[in-house]
């Protein structure tokens, strides 16, 4: 098994880690609802599931669930 011959310095360690950054998520704004959401992801708004500017699914409210 390989072992390091010398200890790596803090600066070399930090140079290696300099690329491991948290990036801001890319957000899109829907033209219909004006709500921000992640690209390529569906999102809920007023009990409706939207994806690519279209309603995909309706969520039943509690009153509608009791009736049916």
N, C-alpha and C. Protein backbone atom coordinates (compact mmCIF):
# COMPACT_ATOMS: atom_id res chain seq x y z
N UNK A 1 0.84 -1.18 0.00
CA UNK A 1 0.00 0.00 0.00
C UNK A 1 0.89 1.25 0.00
N UNK A 2 0.50 2.25 -0.75
CA UNK A 2 1.32 3.46 -0.88
C UNK A 2 1.14 4.37 0.34
N UNK A 3 2.25 4.91 0.79
CA UNK A 3 2.24 5.87 1.89
C UNK A 3 3.03 7.10 1.47
N UNK A 4 2.60 8.28 1.91
CA UNK A 4 3.37 9.47 1.56
C UNK A 4 4.72 9.47 2.29
N UNK A 5 5.73 9.87 1.57
CA UNK A 5 7.08 9.91 2.16
C UNK A 5 7.22 11.13 3.06
N UNK A 6 6.62 12.23 2.63
CA UNK A 6 6.66 13.48 3.41
C UNK A 6 5.24 14.00 3.62
N UNK A 7 5.09 14.76 4.65
CA UNK A 7 3.80 15.38 4.93
C UNK A 7 3.59 16.53 3.96
N UNK A 8 2.37 16.62 3.40
CA UNK A 8 2.08 17.74 2.49
C UNK A 8 1.83 19.00 3.30
N UNK A 9 2.32 20.11 2.81
CA UNK A 9 2.17 21.38 3.54
C UNK A 9 0.73 21.88 3.46
N UNK A 10 0.40 22.80 4.32
CA UNK A 10 -0.96 23.38 4.35
C UNK A 10 -1.29 24.09 3.04
N UNK A 11 -0.30 24.75 2.47
CA UNK A 11 -0.55 25.48 1.23
C UNK A 11 -0.85 24.51 0.08
N UNK A 12 -0.14 23.40 0.01
CA UNK A 12 -0.41 22.41 -1.05
C UNK A 12 -1.77 21.76 -0.85
N UNK A 13 -2.12 21.49 0.41
CA UNK A 13 -3.44 20.94 0.71
C UNK A 13 -4.54 21.92 0.31
N UNK A 14 -4.34 23.19 0.64
CA UNK A 14 -5.35 24.21 0.33
C UNK A 14 -5.46 24.47 -1.16
N UNK A 15 -4.35 24.38 -1.89
CA UNK A 15 -4.40 24.52 -3.35
C UNK A 15 -5.24 23.41 -3.96
N UNK A 16 -5.08 22.20 -3.45
CA UNK A 16 -5.85 21.08 -3.96
C UNK A 16 -7.35 21.27 -3.67
N UNK A 17 -7.65 21.78 -2.51
CA UNK A 17 -9.05 21.95 -2.10
C UNK A 17 -9.71 23.20 -2.66
N UNK A 18 -8.97 24.04 -3.33
CA UNK A 18 -9.50 25.33 -3.80
C UNK A 18 -10.61 25.16 -4.83
N UNK A 19 -10.70 23.99 -5.48
CA UNK A 19 -11.72 23.77 -6.49
C UNK A 19 -12.99 23.17 -5.94
N UNK A 20 -12.97 22.73 -4.68
CA UNK A 20 -14.15 22.13 -4.07
C UNK A 20 -15.01 23.22 -3.45
N UNK A 21 -15.85 23.83 -4.26
CA UNK A 21 -16.67 24.95 -3.80
C UNK A 21 -18.14 24.61 -3.97
N UNK A 22 -18.93 25.20 -3.15
CA UNK A 22 -20.38 25.06 -3.30
C UNK A 22 -20.84 26.11 -4.29
N UNK A 23 -21.58 25.65 -5.32
CA UNK A 23 -22.06 26.57 -6.34
C UNK A 23 -23.50 26.94 -6.07
N UNK A 24 -23.88 28.14 -6.47
CA UNK A 24 -25.27 28.54 -6.35
C UNK A 24 -26.11 27.74 -7.33
N UNK A 25 -27.30 27.32 -6.91
CA UNK A 25 -28.15 26.58 -7.85
C UNK A 25 -28.68 27.50 -8.94
N UNK A 26 -28.77 26.96 -10.16
CA UNK A 26 -29.32 27.73 -11.27
C UNK A 26 -30.83 27.76 -11.15
N UNK A 27 -31.37 28.94 -11.04
CA UNK A 27 -32.81 29.09 -10.88
C UNK A 27 -33.41 29.70 -12.13
N UNK A 28 -34.57 29.19 -12.49
CA UNK A 28 -35.33 29.72 -13.63
C UNK A 28 -36.59 30.37 -13.08
N UNK A 29 -37.12 31.33 -13.80
CA UNK A 29 -38.35 31.99 -13.39
C UNK A 29 -39.44 31.58 -14.37
N UNK A 30 -40.53 31.04 -13.83
CA UNK A 30 -41.63 30.57 -14.66
C UNK A 30 -42.40 31.77 -15.22
N UNK A 31 -42.74 31.70 -16.49
CA UNK A 31 -43.48 32.79 -17.13
C UNK A 31 -44.94 32.82 -16.66
N UNK A 32 -45.51 31.66 -16.31
CA UNK A 32 -46.91 31.61 -15.88
C UNK A 32 -47.09 32.06 -14.44
N UNK A 33 -46.25 31.54 -13.55
CA UNK A 33 -46.44 31.79 -12.12
C UNK A 33 -45.49 32.82 -11.53
N UNK A 34 -44.46 33.20 -12.25
CA UNK A 34 -43.42 34.12 -11.77
C UNK A 34 -42.72 33.59 -10.52
N UNK A 35 -42.64 32.28 -10.39
CA UNK A 35 -41.99 31.66 -9.25
C UNK A 35 -40.65 31.07 -9.69
N UNK A 36 -39.63 31.21 -8.85
CA UNK A 36 -38.31 30.67 -9.17
C UNK A 36 -38.27 29.19 -8.82
N UNK A 37 -37.59 28.39 -9.67
CA UNK A 37 -37.45 26.96 -9.44
C UNK A 37 -36.16 26.47 -10.09
N UNK A 38 -35.75 25.28 -9.74
CA UNK A 38 -34.55 24.69 -10.32
C UNK A 38 -34.81 24.29 -11.76
N UNK A 39 -33.79 24.46 -12.62
CA UNK A 39 -33.90 24.03 -14.01
C UNK A 39 -34.17 22.52 -14.07
N UNK A 40 -34.96 22.11 -15.02
CA UNK A 40 -35.26 20.70 -15.28
C UNK A 40 -35.92 20.00 -14.09
N UNK A 41 -36.59 20.76 -13.23
CA UNK A 41 -37.29 20.18 -12.08
C UNK A 41 -38.71 20.70 -12.06
N UNK A 42 -39.63 19.82 -11.69
CA UNK A 42 -41.02 20.23 -11.52
C UNK A 42 -41.15 20.91 -10.15
N UNK A 43 -42.17 21.76 -9.99
CA UNK A 43 -42.37 22.46 -8.72
C UNK A 43 -43.86 22.65 -8.49
N UNK A 44 -44.24 22.71 -7.21
CA UNK A 44 -45.63 22.89 -6.81
C UNK A 44 -45.94 24.37 -6.65
N UNK A 45 -47.12 24.77 -7.10
CA UNK A 45 -47.60 26.14 -6.91
C UNK A 45 -49.13 26.08 -6.91
N UNK A 46 -49.72 26.49 -5.80
CA UNK A 46 -51.18 26.49 -5.62
C UNK A 46 -51.80 25.14 -5.97
N UNK A 47 -51.26 24.07 -5.35
CA UNK A 47 -51.75 22.70 -5.51
C UNK A 47 -51.71 22.20 -6.96
N UNK A 48 -50.80 22.73 -7.74
CA UNK A 48 -50.59 22.27 -9.11
C UNK A 48 -49.10 22.03 -9.32
N UNK A 49 -48.79 20.95 -9.99
CA UNK A 49 -47.40 20.64 -10.29
C UNK A 49 -47.09 21.13 -11.70
N UNK A 50 -46.10 22.03 -11.80
CA UNK A 50 -45.72 22.62 -13.09
C UNK A 50 -44.40 22.04 -13.54
N UNK A 51 -44.29 21.81 -14.85
CA UNK A 51 -43.03 21.41 -15.46
C UNK A 51 -43.00 21.95 -16.88
N UNK A 52 -41.97 22.70 -17.21
CA UNK A 52 -41.78 23.32 -18.52
C UNK A 52 -42.98 24.17 -18.93
N UNK A 53 -43.54 24.92 -17.97
CA UNK A 53 -44.62 25.85 -18.26
C UNK A 53 -45.98 25.21 -18.43
N UNK A 54 -46.10 23.93 -18.08
CA UNK A 54 -47.38 23.24 -18.21
C UNK A 54 -47.77 22.61 -16.89
N UNK A 55 -49.08 22.49 -16.65
CA UNK A 55 -49.56 21.82 -15.46
C UNK A 55 -49.50 20.32 -15.71
N UNK A 56 -48.80 19.61 -14.82
CA UNK A 56 -48.61 18.18 -14.99
C UNK A 56 -49.57 17.40 -14.10
N UNK A 57 -49.82 17.91 -12.88
CA UNK A 57 -50.59 17.16 -11.90
C UNK A 57 -51.33 18.13 -11.00
N UNK A 58 -52.51 17.71 -10.57
CA UNK A 58 -53.30 18.49 -9.61
C UNK A 58 -53.27 17.76 -8.27
N UNK A 59 -53.10 18.49 -7.18
CA UNK A 59 -53.15 17.91 -5.85
C UNK A 59 -54.52 18.20 -5.26
N UNK A 60 -55.16 17.18 -4.73
CA UNK A 60 -56.46 17.36 -4.12
C UNK A 60 -56.30 18.04 -2.77
N UNK A 61 -57.17 19.00 -2.48
CA UNK A 61 -57.13 19.65 -1.18
C UNK A 61 -57.79 18.72 -0.16
N UNK A 62 -57.71 19.07 1.12
CA UNK A 62 -58.28 18.23 2.17
C UNK A 62 -59.80 18.11 2.03
N UNK A 63 -60.45 19.18 1.62
CA UNK A 63 -61.90 19.16 1.45
C UNK A 63 -62.28 18.21 0.31
N UNK A 64 -61.54 18.25 -0.78
CA UNK A 64 -61.83 17.38 -1.92
C UNK A 64 -61.57 15.92 -1.60
N UNK A 65 -60.56 15.65 -0.74
CA UNK A 65 -60.27 14.28 -0.34
C UNK A 65 -61.41 13.70 0.50
N UNK A 66 -61.99 14.54 1.38
CA UNK A 66 -63.08 14.08 2.25
C UNK A 66 -64.34 13.76 1.43
N UNK A 67 -64.59 14.52 0.38
CA UNK A 67 -65.77 14.34 -0.46
C UNK A 67 -65.65 13.04 -1.27
N UNK A 68 -64.50 12.80 -1.84
CA UNK A 68 -64.34 11.62 -2.71
C UNK A 68 -64.04 10.36 -1.95
